[in-house]
PDB file of N, CA and C in Angstrom:
ATOM      1  N   MET A   1     -22.261   9.713   0.654  1.00  0.00           N
ATOM      2  CA  MET A   1     -21.648   7.673   0.860  1.00  0.00           C
ATOM      3  C   MET A   1     -21.170   8.071   1.804  1.00  0.00           C
ATOM      4  N   ILE A   2     -19.991   9.012   2.044  1.00  0.00           N
ATOM      5  CA  ILE A   2     -19.310   9.114   3.156  1.00  0.00           C
ATOM      6  C   ILE A   2     -20.419   8.902   4.870  1.00  0.00           C
ATOM      7  N   GLU A   3     -21.546   9.827   4.480  1.00  0.00           N
ATOM      8  CA  GLU A   3     -22.277   9.723   6.030  1.00  0.00           C
ATOM      9  C   GLU A   3     -22.741   8.284   6.004  1.00  0.00           C
ATOM     10  N   GLU A   4     -23.190   7.585   4.734  1.00  0.00           N
ATOM     11  CA  GLU A   4     -23.259   5.826   5.077  1.00  0.00           C
ATOM     12  C   GLU A   4     -21.906   5.307   5.639  1.00  0.00           C
ATOM     13  N   ILE A   5     -21.002   5.570   5.165  1.00  0.00           N
ATOM     14  CA  ILE A   5     -19.923   4.651   5.563  1.00  0.00           C
ATOM     15  C   ILE A   5     -19.669   5.182   7.238  1.00  0.00           C
ATOM     16  N   ARG A   6     -19.405   6.300   7.464  1.00  0.00           N
ATOM     17  CA  ARG A   6     -19.578   6.539   8.878  1.00  0.00           C
ATOM     18  C   ARG A   6     -20.567   5.813   9.467  1.00  0.00           C
ATOM     19  N   GLU A   7     -21.858   5.781   9.499  1.00  0.00           N
ATOM     20  CA  GLU A   7     -23.124   5.509  10.124  1.00  0.00           C
ATOM     21  C   GLU A   7     -22.417   3.445  10.393  1.00  0.00           C
ATOM     22  N   LYS A   8     -21.566   2.840   9.305  1.00  0.00           N
ATOM     23  CA  LYS A   8     -21.425   1.846   9.312  1.00  0.00           C
ATOM     24  C   LYS A   8     -20.241   1.704  10.636  1.00  0.00           C
ATOM     25  N   PHE A   9     -19.403   2.774  10.326  1.00  0.00           N
ATOM     26  CA  PHE A   9     -18.527   2.608  11.708  1.00  0.00           C
ATOM     27  C   PHE A   9     -18.732   2.753  12.914  1.00  0.00           C
ATOM     28  N   ARG A  10     -19.995   3.894  13.018  1.00  0.00           N
ATOM     29  CA  ARG A  10     -19.948   4.134  14.238  1.00  0.00           C
ATOM     30  C   ARG A  10     -20.663   2.863  14.936  1.00  0.00           C
ATOM     31  N   THR A  11     -21.652   2.031  14.286  1.00  0.00           N
ATOM     32  CA  THR A  11     -22.180   1.054  14.851  1.00  0.00           C
ATOM     33  C   THR A  11     -21.489  -0.320  14.730  1.00  0.00           C
ATOM     34  N   LEU A  12     -20.400  -0.157  14.202  1.00  0.00           N
ATOM     35  CA  LEU A  12     -19.507  -1.536  14.187  1.00  0.00           C
ATOM     36  C   LEU A  12     -19.841  -2.655  12.582  1.00  0.00           C
ATOM     37  N   GLN A  13     -20.291  -1.989  11.836  1.00  0.00           N
ATOM     38  CA  GLN A  13     -20.454  -2.579  10.964  1.00  0.00           C
ATOM     39  C   GLN A  13     -19.723  -2.911   9.724  1.00  0.00           C
ATOM     40  N   TYR A  14     -18.203  -2.772  10.051  1.00  0.00           N
ATOM     41  CA  TYR A  14     -17.202  -3.138   9.240  1.00  0.00           C
ATOM     42  C   TYR A  14     -16.337  -4.299   9.355  1.00  0.00           C
ATOM     43  N   GLU A  15     -15.327  -4.383   8.447  1.00  0.00           N
ATOM     44  CA  GLU A  15     -14.312  -5.383   9.183  1.00  0.00           C
ATOM     45  C   GLU A  15     -12.954  -5.206   8.289  1.00  0.00           C
ATOM     46  N   TYR A  16     -11.886  -5.745   8.460  1.00  0.00           N
ATOM     47  CA  TYR A  16     -10.578  -5.383   7.567  1.00  0.00           C
ATOM     48  C   TYR A  16     -10.538  -6.568   6.904  1.00  0.00           C
ATOM     49  N   SER A  17      -9.860  -6.125   5.636  1.00  0.00           N
ATOM     50  CA  SER A  17      -9.457  -7.494   4.810  1.00  0.00           C
ATOM     51  C   SER A  17      -8.060  -7.823   5.562  1.00  0.00           C
ATOM     52  N   LEU A  18      -7.431  -9.033   4.955  1.00  0.00           N
ATOM     53  CA  LEU A  18      -6.342  -9.543   5.696  1.00  0.00           C
ATOM     54  C   LEU A  18      -5.197  -8.153   4.889  1.00  0.00           C
ATOM     55  N   HIS A  19      -5.379  -7.890   4.314  1.00  0.00           N
ATOM     56  CA  HIS A  19      -4.276  -6.933   3.339  1.00  0.00           C
ATOM     57  C   HIS A  19      -4.097  -5.593   4.230  1.00  0.00           C
ATOM     58  N   ALA A  20      -5.701  -5.308   4.715  1.00  0.00           N
ATOM     59  CA  ALA A  20      -5.527  -3.912   5.349  1.00  0.00           C
ATOM     60  C   ALA A  20      -4.933  -4.199   7.058  1.00  0.00           C
ATOM     61  N   LEU A  21      -5.560  -5.369   6.956  1.00  0.00           N
ATOM     62  CA  LEU A  21      -4.894  -5.311   8.645  1.00  0.00           C
ATOM     63  C   LEU A  21      -3.292  -5.883   9.011  1.00  0.00           C
ATOM     64  N   ASP A  22      -3.074  -6.348   7.945  1.00  0.00           N
ATOM     65  CA  ASP A  22      -1.528  -6.284   7.133  1.00  0.00           C
ATOM     66  C   ASP A  22      -0.980  -4.910   7.260  1.00  0.00           C
ATOM     67  N   GLN A  23      -1.688  -4.121   6.487  1.00  0.00           N
ATOM     68  CA  GLN A  23      -0.794  -2.673   6.526  1.00  0.00           C
ATOM     69  C   GLN A  23      -1.010  -2.051   7.603  1.00  0.00           C
ATOM     70  N   SER A  24      -2.311  -2.202   8.342  1.00  0.00           N
ATOM     71  CA  SER A  24      -2.370  -1.739   9.764  1.00  0.00           C
ATOM     72  C   SER A  24      -1.259  -1.823  10.353  1.00  0.00           C
ATOM     73  N   ILE A  25      -0.819  -3.175  10.859  1.00  0.00           N
ATOM     74  CA  ILE A  25       0.132  -3.463  11.751  1.00  0.00           C
ATOM     75  C   ILE A  25       1.522  -2.978  11.487  1.00  0.00           C
ATOM     76  N   ARG A  26       1.823  -3.161   9.678  1.00  0.00           N
ATOM     77  CA  ARG A  26       3.057  -3.191   9.378  1.00  0.00           C
ATOM     78  C   ARG A  26       3.236  -1.414   9.467  1.00  0.00           C
ATOM     79  N   LYS A  27       2.185  -0.387   9.205  1.00  0.00           N
ATOM     80  CA  LYS A  27       2.520   0.799   9.441  1.00  0.00           C
ATOM     81  C   LYS A  27       2.348   1.756  10.693  1.00  0.00           C
ATOM     82  N   GLY A  28       1.848   0.500  11.331  1.00  0.00           N
ATOM     83  CA  GLY A  28       1.350   1.358  13.039  1.00  0.00           C
ATOM     84  C   GLY A  28       0.124   2.669  12.780  1.00  0.00           C
ATOM     85  N   ILE A  29      -0.649   1.267  12.405  1.00  0.00           N
ATOM     86  CA  ILE A  29      -1.819   2.327  12.435  1.00  0.00           C
ATOM     87  C   ILE A  29      -2.982   1.450  13.060  1.00  0.00           C
ATOM     88  N   ALA A  30      -3.442   2.539  14.067  1.00  0.00           N
ATOM     89  CA  ALA A  30      -4.335   1.772  14.871  1.00  0.00           C
ATOM     90  C   ALA A  30      -5.866   1.474  14.654  1.00  0.00           C
ATOM     91  N   GLY A  31      -6.724   0.738  15.175  1.00  0.00           N
ATOM     92  CA  GLY A  31      -8.491   0.968  14.630  1.00  0.00           C
ATOM     93  C   GLY A  31      -8.763   2.086  15.032  1.00  0.00           C
ATOM     94  N   GLU A  32      -8.416   2.510  15.835  1.00  0.00           N
ATOM     95  CA  GLU A  32      -9.039   3.843  16.640  1.00  0.00           C
ATOM     96  C   GLU A  32      -8.733   4.928  15.941  1.00  0.00           C
ATOM     97  N   GLU A  33      -7.414   5.028  15.193  1.00  0.00           N
ATOM     98  CA  GLU A  33      -6.797   5.506  14.019  1.00  0.00           C
ATOM     99  C   GLU A  33      -8.039   6.042  13.143  1.00  0.00           C
ATOM    100  N   ILE A  34      -8.087   4.666  12.412  1.00  0.00           N
ATOM    101  CA  ILE A  34      -8.652   4.494  11.786  1.00  0.00           C
ATOM    102  C   ILE A  34     -10.474   5.307  11.639  1.00  0.00           C
ATOM    103  N   GLU A  35     -10.496   4.949  12.396  1.00  0.00           N
ATOM    104  CA  GLU A  35     -12.225   5.414  13.212  1.00  0.00           C
ATOM    105  C   GLU A  35     -12.246   6.947  13.104  1.00  0.00           C
ATOM    106  N   GLU A  36     -11.093   7.538  13.447  1.00  0.00           N
ATOM    107  CA  GLU A  36     -11.275   8.595  13.358  1.00  0.00           C
ATOM    108  C   GLU A  36     -11.167   9.478  12.134  1.00  0.00           C
ATOM    109  N   ALA A  37     -10.371   8.898  11.516  1.00  0.00           N
ATOM    110  CA  ALA A  37     -10.223   9.472  10.107  1.00  0.00           C
ATOM    111  C   ALA A  37     -11.242   9.341   9.046  1.00  0.00           C
ATOM    112  N   VAL A  38     -12.046   8.168   9.163  1.00  0.00           N
ATOM    113  CA  VAL A  38     -13.471   8.178   8.771  1.00  0.00           C
ATOM    114  C   VAL A  38     -14.471   9.170   8.924  1.00  0.00           C
ATOM    115  N   GLU A  39     -14.619   9.183  10.489  1.00  0.00           N
ATOM    116  CA  GLU A  39     -15.420  10.064  11.160  1.00  0.00           C
ATOM    117  C   GLU A  39     -15.169  11.516  10.056  1.00  0.00           C
ATOM    118  N   SER A  40     -14.000  11.733  10.923  1.00  0.00           N
ATOM    119  CA  SER A  40     -13.276  13.532   9.712  1.00  0.00           C
ATOM    120  C   SER A  40     -13.552  13.423   8.545  1.00  0.00           C
ATOM    121  N   GLY A  41     -13.316  12.092   7.745  1.00  0.00           N
ATOM    122  CA  GLY A  41     -13.044  12.029   6.026  1.00  0.00           C
ATOM    123  C   GLY A  41     -14.336  12.652   5.433  1.00  0.00           C
ATOM    124  N   GLU A  42     -13.380  12.715   4.111  1.00  0.00           N
ATOM    125  CA  GLU A  42     -14.322  12.998   3.000  1.00  0.00           C
ATOM    126  C   GLU A  42     -14.163  11.784   2.056  1.00  0.00           C
ATOM    127  N   VAL A  43     -14.977  11.391   0.887  1.00  0.00           N
ATOM    128  CA  VAL A  43     -14.828  10.486  -0.296  1.00  0.00           C
ATOM    129  C   VAL A  43     -13.625  11.515  -1.545  1.00  0.00           C
ATOM    130  N   ILE A  44     -12.799  10.941  -1.470  1.00  0.00           N
ATOM    131  CA  ILE A  44     -12.125  11.780  -2.706  1.00  0.00           C
ATOM    132  C   ILE A  44     -11.718  11.056  -4.016  1.00  0.00           C
ATOM    133  N   GLU A  45     -12.126   9.882  -3.910  1.00  0.00           N
ATOM    134  CA  GLU A  45     -11.884   9.018  -5.162  1.00  0.00           C
ATOM    135  C   GLU A  45     -13.121   8.227  -5.063  1.00  0.00           C
ATOM    136  N   ASP A  46     -13.776   7.275  -6.063  1.00  0.00           N
ATOM    137  CA  ASP A  46     -15.064   7.263  -6.211  1.00  0.00           C
ATOM    138  C   ASP A  46     -14.398   5.694  -7.234  1.00  0.00           C
ATOM    139  N   TYR A  47     -14.414   4.155  -7.340  1.00  0.00           N
ATOM    140  CA  TYR A  47     -13.978   3.106  -7.969  1.00  0.00           C
ATOM    141  C   TYR A  47     -15.341   1.828  -8.321  1.00  0.00           C
ATOM    142  N   PRO A  48     -16.609   2.835  -9.073  1.00  0.00           N
ATOM    143  CA  PRO A  48     -17.470   1.476  -9.140  1.00  0.00           C
ATOM    144  C   PRO A  48     -16.970   0.494  -9.887  1.00  0.00           C
ATOM    145  N   ASP A  49     -16.092   0.553 -10.590  1.00  0.00           N
ATOM    146  CA  ASP A  49     -15.779  -0.485 -11.372  1.00  0.00           C
ATOM    147  C   ASP A  49     -14.811  -1.544 -10.581  1.00  0.00           C
ATOM    148  N   ASP A  50     -14.606  -0.867  -9.619  1.00  0.00           N
ATOM    149  CA  ASP A  50     -13.317  -1.940  -9.074  1.00  0.00           C
ATOM    150  C   ASP A  50     -13.591  -3.096  -9.017  1.00  0.00           C
ATOM    151  N   LYS A  51     -12.223  -4.521  -9.291  1.00  0.00           N
ATOM    152  CA  LYS A  51     -12.296  -5.699  -9.952  1.00  0.00           C
ATOM    153  C   LYS A  51     -13.079  -6.319  -8.682  1.00  0.00           C
ATOM    154  N   TYR A  52     -13.160  -6.157  -7.483  1.00  0.00           N
ATOM    155  CA  TYR A  52     -13.892  -7.065  -6.943  1.00  0.00           C
ATOM    156  C   TYR A  52     -15.292  -6.234  -5.998  1.00  0.00           C
ATOM    157  N   GLY A  53     -15.397  -5.579  -6.815  1.00  0.00           N
ATOM    158  CA  GLY A  53     -16.858  -4.872  -6.137  1.00  0.00           C
ATOM    159  C   GLY A  53     -16.829  -3.309  -6.065  1.00  0.00           C
ATOM    160  N   PRO A  54     -17.575  -2.421  -6.076  1.00  0.00           N
ATOM    161  CA  PRO A  54     -17.831  -1.004  -5.924  1.00  0.00           C
ATOM    162  C   PRO A  54     -16.262  -0.442  -4.727  1.00  0.00           C
ATOM    163  N   SER A  55     -15.776   0.587  -4.688  1.00  0.00           N
ATOM    164  CA  SER A  55     -15.360   0.853  -3.569  1.00  0.00           C
ATOM    165  C   SER A  55     -15.092   2.233  -3.846  1.00  0.00           C
ATOM    166  N   CYS A  56     -14.364   2.763  -2.465  1.00  0.00           N
ATOM    167  CA  CYS A  56     -13.924   4.616  -2.652  1.00  0.00           C
ATOM    168  C   CYS A  56     -12.680   4.625  -1.642  1.00  0.00           C
ATOM    169  N   LEU A  57     -12.330   5.700  -1.425  1.00  0.00           N
ATOM    170  CA  LEU A  57     -11.107   5.846  -1.213  1.00  0.00           C
ATOM    171  C   LEU A  57     -11.383   7.185  -0.044  1.00  0.00           C
ATOM    172  N   VAL A  58     -11.268   7.281   0.969  1.00  0.00           N
ATOM    173  CA  VAL A  58     -11.742   7.861   1.806  1.00  0.00           C
ATOM    174  C   VAL A  58     -10.047   8.578   2.814  1.00  0.00           C
ATOM    175  N   PHE A  59     -10.442   9.775   2.649  1.00  0.00           N
ATOM    176  CA  PHE A  59      -9.296  10.847   2.787  1.00  0.00           C
ATOM    177  C   PHE A  59      -9.781  11.513   4.537  1.00  0.00           C
ATOM    178  N   GLY A  60      -9.019  11.194   5.632  1.00  0.00           N
ATOM    179  CA  GLY A  60      -9.366  11.910   6.773  1.00  0.00           C
ATOM    180  C   GLY A  60      -7.969  11.788   7.508  1.00  0.00           C
ATOM    181  N   ARG A  61      -8.558  12.997   8.869  1.00  0.00           N
ATOM    182  CA  ARG A  61      -7.115  13.021   9.983  1.00  0.00           C
ATOM    183  C   ARG A  61      -7.728  12.302  10.941  1.00  0.00           C
ATOM    184  N   THR A  62      -6.992  11.714  11.849  1.00  0.00           N
ATOM    185  CA  THR A  62      -7.325  11.845  12.998  1.00  0.00           C
ATOM    186  C   THR A  62      -7.005  12.415  14.089  1.00  0.00           C
ATOM    187  N   ARG A  63      -7.532  12.769  15.304  1.00  0.00           N
ATOM    188  CA  ARG A  63      -7.337  13.470  16.177  1.00  0.00           C
ATOM    189  C   ARG A  63      -6.226  14.263  16.984  1.00  0.00           C
ATOM    190  N   GLU A  64      -4.840  13.265  16.368  1.00  0.00           N
ATOM    191  CA  GLU A  64      -3.843  14.275  16.325  1.00  0.00           C
ATOM    192  C   GLU A  64      -3.127  14.887  14.966  1.00  0.00           C
ATOM    193  N   GLY A  65      -3.800  14.711  14.101  1.00  0.00           N
ATOM    194  CA  GLY A  65      -4.142  15.342  12.826  1.00  0.00           C
ATOM    195  C   GLY A  65      -3.331  14.412  11.506  1.00  0.00           C
ATOM    196  N   ARG A  66      -3.330  12.937  12.137  1.00  0.00           N
ATOM    197  CA  ARG A  66      -2.300  12.545  10.994  1.00  0.00           C
ATOM    198  C   ARG A  66      -3.558  11.940   9.864  1.00  0.00           C
ATOM    199  N   PRO A  67      -2.827  12.073   8.904  1.00  0.00           N
ATOM    200  CA  PRO A  67      -3.272  11.704   7.584  1.00  0.00           C
ATOM    201  C   PRO A  67      -3.528  10.098   7.055  1.00  0.00           C
ATOM    202  N   LEU A  68      -4.546   9.956   6.912  1.00  0.00           N
ATOM    203  CA  LEU A  68      -4.731   8.293   6.434  1.00  0.00           C
ATOM    204  C   LEU A  68      -5.542   8.832   5.228  1.00  0.00           C
ATOM    205  N   HIS A  69      -5.214   7.668   4.265  1.00  0.00           N
ATOM    206  CA  HIS A  69      -5.863   6.785   3.420  1.00  0.00           C
ATOM    207  C   HIS A  69      -7.047   5.795   3.680  1.00  0.00           C
ATOM    208  N   ILE A  70      -8.166   5.650   3.184  1.00  0.00           N
ATOM    209  CA  ILE A  70      -8.908   4.152   3.765  1.00  0.00           C
ATOM    210  C   ILE A  70      -9.484   3.700   2.889  1.00  0.00           C
ATOM    211  N   GLN A  71      -9.106   3.310   1.989  1.00  0.00           N
ATOM    212  CA  GLN A  71      -9.831   2.275   0.837  1.00  0.00           C
ATOM    213  C   GLN A  71     -11.067   1.390   1.385  1.00  0.00           C
ATOM    214  N   CYS A  72     -12.297   1.412   1.270  1.00  0.00           N
ATOM    215  CA  CYS A  72     -13.168   0.272   1.728  1.00  0.00           C
ATOM    216  C   CYS A  72     -14.444   0.595   0.768  1.00  0.00           C
ATOM    217  N   THR A  73     -14.695  -0.575   0.671  1.00  0.00           N
ATOM    218  CA  THR A  73     -15.592  -0.836  -0.241  1.00  0.00           C
ATOM    219  C   THR A  73     -17.602  -0.234   0.363  1.00  0.00           C
ATOM    220  N   HIS A  74     -18.133   0.295  -0.905  1.00  0.00           N
ATOM    221  CA  HIS A  74     -19.132   1.044  -0.668  1.00  0.00           C
ATOM    222  C   HIS A  74     -20.392   0.454   0.534  1.00  0.00           C
ATOM    223  N   PRO A  75     -21.074   1.235   1.056  1.00  0.00           N
ATOM    224  CA  PRO A  75     -21.565   1.400   2.148  1.00  0.00           C
ATOM    225  C   PRO A  75     -22.878   0.288   1.908  1.00  0.00           C
ATOM    226  N   LYS A  76     -23.235  -0.196   0.618  1.00  0.00           N
ATOM    227  CA  LYS A  76     -24.227  -1.045   0.530  1.00  0.00           C
ATOM    228  C   LYS A  76     -24.209  -2.404   0.959  1.00  0.00           C
ATOM    229  N   ARG A  77     -23.108  -2.853   0.888  1.00  0.00           N
ATOM    230  CA  ARG A  77     -23.000  -3.993   1.656  1.00  0.00           C
ATOM    231  C   ARG A  77     -23.435  -4.017   3.053  1.00  0.00           C
ATOM    232  N   ARG A  78     -23.538  -4.899   3.973  1.00  0.00           N
ATOM    233  CA  ARG A  78     -24.239  -5.322   4.744  1.00  0.00           C
ATOM    234  C   ARG A  78     -22.960  -4.537   6.069  1.00  0.00           C
ATOM    235  N   ARG A  79     -21.656  -5.399   5.578  1.00  0.00           N
ATOM    236  CA  ARG A  79     -20.602  -4.624   6.280  1.00  0.00           C
ATOM    237  C   ARG A  79     -19.373  -4.232   5.785  1.00  0.00           C
ATOM    238  N   VAL A  80     -19.022  -2.936   5.572  1.00  0.00           N
ATOM    239  CA  VAL A  80     -17.968  -2.254   4.644  1.00  0.00           C
ATOM    240  C   VAL A  80     -16.818  -2.913   5.382  1.00  0.00           C
ATOM    241  N   LYS A  81     -16.296  -2.952   3.933  1.00  0.00           N
ATOM    242  CA  LYS A  81     -14.657  -3.678   4.067  1.00  0.00           C
ATOM    243  C   LYS A  81     -13.789  -3.123   4.156  1.00  0.00           C
ATOM    244  N   ILE A  82     -12.723  -2.743   5.020  1.00  0.00           N
ATOM    245  CA  ILE A  82     -12.103  -2.064   4.780  1.00  0.00           C
ATOM    246  C   ILE A  82     -10.628  -2.684   3.792  1.00  0.00           C
ATOM    247  N   ILE A  83     -10.153  -2.286   2.571  1.00  0.00           N
ATOM    248  CA  ILE A  83      -9.541  -2.385   1.437  1.00  0.00           C
ATOM    249  C   ILE A  83      -8.009  -2.851   2.224  1.00  0.00           C
ATOM    250  N   THR A  84      -7.848  -1.279   2.158  1.00  0.00           N
ATOM    251  CA  THR A  84      -6.488  -1.435   2.774  1.00  0.00           C
ATOM    252  C   THR A  84      -6.253   0.326   3.298  1.00  0.00           C
ATOM    253  N   VAL A  85      -5.012   0.470   3.991  1.00  0.00           N
ATOM    254  CA  VAL A  85      -5.007   1.840   5.132  1.00  0.00           C
ATOM    255  C   VAL A  85      -3.719   2.006   4.380  1.00  0.00           C
ATOM    256  N   TYR A  86      -3.405   3.438   4.516  1.00  0.00           N
ATOM    257  CA  TYR A  86      -2.228   3.816   4.672  1.00  0.00           C
ATOM    258  C   TYR A  86      -1.675   5.380   5.016  1.00  0.00           C
ATOM    259  N   GLU A  87      -0.704   6.275   5.274  1.00  0.00           N
ATOM    260  CA  GLU A  87      -0.657   7.501   5.560  1.00  0.00           C
ATOM    261  C   GLU A  87      -0.403   7.994   4.224  1.00  0.00           C
ATOM    262  N   PRO A  88      -0.488   8.684   3.472  1.00  0.00           N
ATOM    263  CA  PRO A  88      -0.472   9.388   2.144  1.00  0.00           C
ATOM    264  C   PRO A  88       1.003   9.669   2.037  1.00  0.00           C
ATOM    265  N   GLU A  89       1.726   9.920   0.947  1.00  0.00           N
ATOM    266  CA  GLU A  89       3.251  10.792   1.199  1.00  0.00           C
ATOM    267  C   GLU A  89       3.208  11.590   0.249  1.00  0.00           C
ATOM    268  N   PRO A  90       3.290  12.715   0.896  1.00  0.00           N
ATOM    269  CA  PRO A  90       3.115  14.452   0.331  1.00  0.00           C
ATOM    270  C   PRO A  90       3.098  14.452  -0.906  1.00  0.00           C
ATOM    271  N   GLU A  91       4.289  13.764  -1.831  1.00  0.00           N
ATOM    272  CA  GLU A  91       4.916  13.855  -2.738  1.00  0.00           C
ATOM    273  C   GLU A  91       4.002  13.140  -3.890  1.00  0.00           C
ATOM    274  N   HIS A  92       3.264  12.337  -3.570  1.00  0.00           N
ATOM    275  CA  HIS A  92       2.261  11.529  -4.576  1.00  0.00           C
ATOM    276  C   HIS A  92       0.933  12.479  -4.486  1.00  0.00           C
ATOM    277  N   TRP A  93       0.448  13.399  -3.550  1.00  0.00           N
ATOM    278  CA  TRP A  93      -0.843  13.652  -3.454  1.00  0.00           C
ATOM    279  C   TRP A  93      -0.918  15.612  -2.641  1.00  0.00           C
ATOM    280  N   ILE A  94      -1.445  16.119  -3.423  1.00  0.00           N
ATOM    281  CA  ILE A  94      -1.915  17.640  -3.177  1.00  0.00           C
ATOM    282  C   ILE A  94      -2.682  17.777  -2.080  1.00  0.00           C
ATOM    283  N   GLU A  95      -2.387  18.335  -0.840  1.00  0.00           N
ATOM    284  CA  GLU A  95      -3.603  18.285   0.355  1.00  0.00           C
ATOM    285  C   GLU A  95      -3.632  16.880   1.147  1.00  0.00           C
ATOM    286  N   PHE A  96      -3.036  15.804   0.176  1.00  0.00           N
ATOM    287  CA  PHE A  96      -3.630  14.918   0.731  1.00  0.00           C
ATOM    288  C   PHE A  96      -4.841  14.309  -0.215  1.00  0.00           C
ATOM    289  N   ARG A  97      -5.620  15.016  -1.161  1.00  0.00           N
ATOM    290  CA  ARG A  97      -6.695  14.912  -1.494  1.00  0.00           C
ATOM    291  C   ARG A  97      -7.154  14.237  -3.431  1.00  0.00           C
ATOM    292  N   LYS A  98      -5.217  15.002  -3.937  1.00  0.00           N
ATOM    293  CA  LYS A  98      -5.797  14.986  -5.302  1.00  0.00           C
ATOM    294  C   LYS A  98      -4.663  14.407  -5.508  1.00  0.00           C
ATOM    295  N   ARG A  99      -4.246  13.628  -6.758  1.00  0.00           N
ATOM    296  CA  ARG A  99      -3.102  12.655  -6.698  1.00  0.00           C
ATOM    297  C   ARG A  99      -2.411  13.695  -7.443  1.00  0.00           C
ATOM    298  N   ARG A 100      -1.364  13.832  -7.719  1.00  0.00           N
ATOM    299  CA  ARG A 100      -0.128  14.712  -8.370  1.00  0.00           C
ATOM    300  C   ARG A 100      -0.147  13.786  -9.746  1.00  0.00           C
ATOM    301  N   THR A 101       0.195  14.596 -10.783  1.00  0.00           N
ATOM    302  CA  THR A 101       0.412  13.965 -12.274  1.00  0.00           C
ATOM    303  C   THR A 101       2.065  14.083 -12.469  1.00  0.00           C
ATOM    304  N   THR A 102       2.224  13.012 -13.714  1.00  0.00           N
ATOM    305  CA  THR A 102       4.201  13.502 -13.409  1.00  0.00           C
ATOM    306  C   THR A 102       4.312  14.252 -14.031  1.00  0.00           C
TER     307      THR A 102
END
């Protein structure tokens, strides 16, 4: 699935939800950083039964090494939609890939 998502990003067949756009601005995450993280990323969680349609969580790093999580729709859509984006907090993630249990 990650290769299909990467291809959508490479060919600019993606869009931001209003929430993702707001989060990227509030958290200072540039569009280029999101593209870099997807290019280097991996799908770490899959949500086939998500409320608004199948989606997944991608973990990747920017060229500068900044860890990012990008939740986006499955690539079966004509355009991949970025649902949200954030820098994961280490206290909630093991190596930013696996959720810590409390």
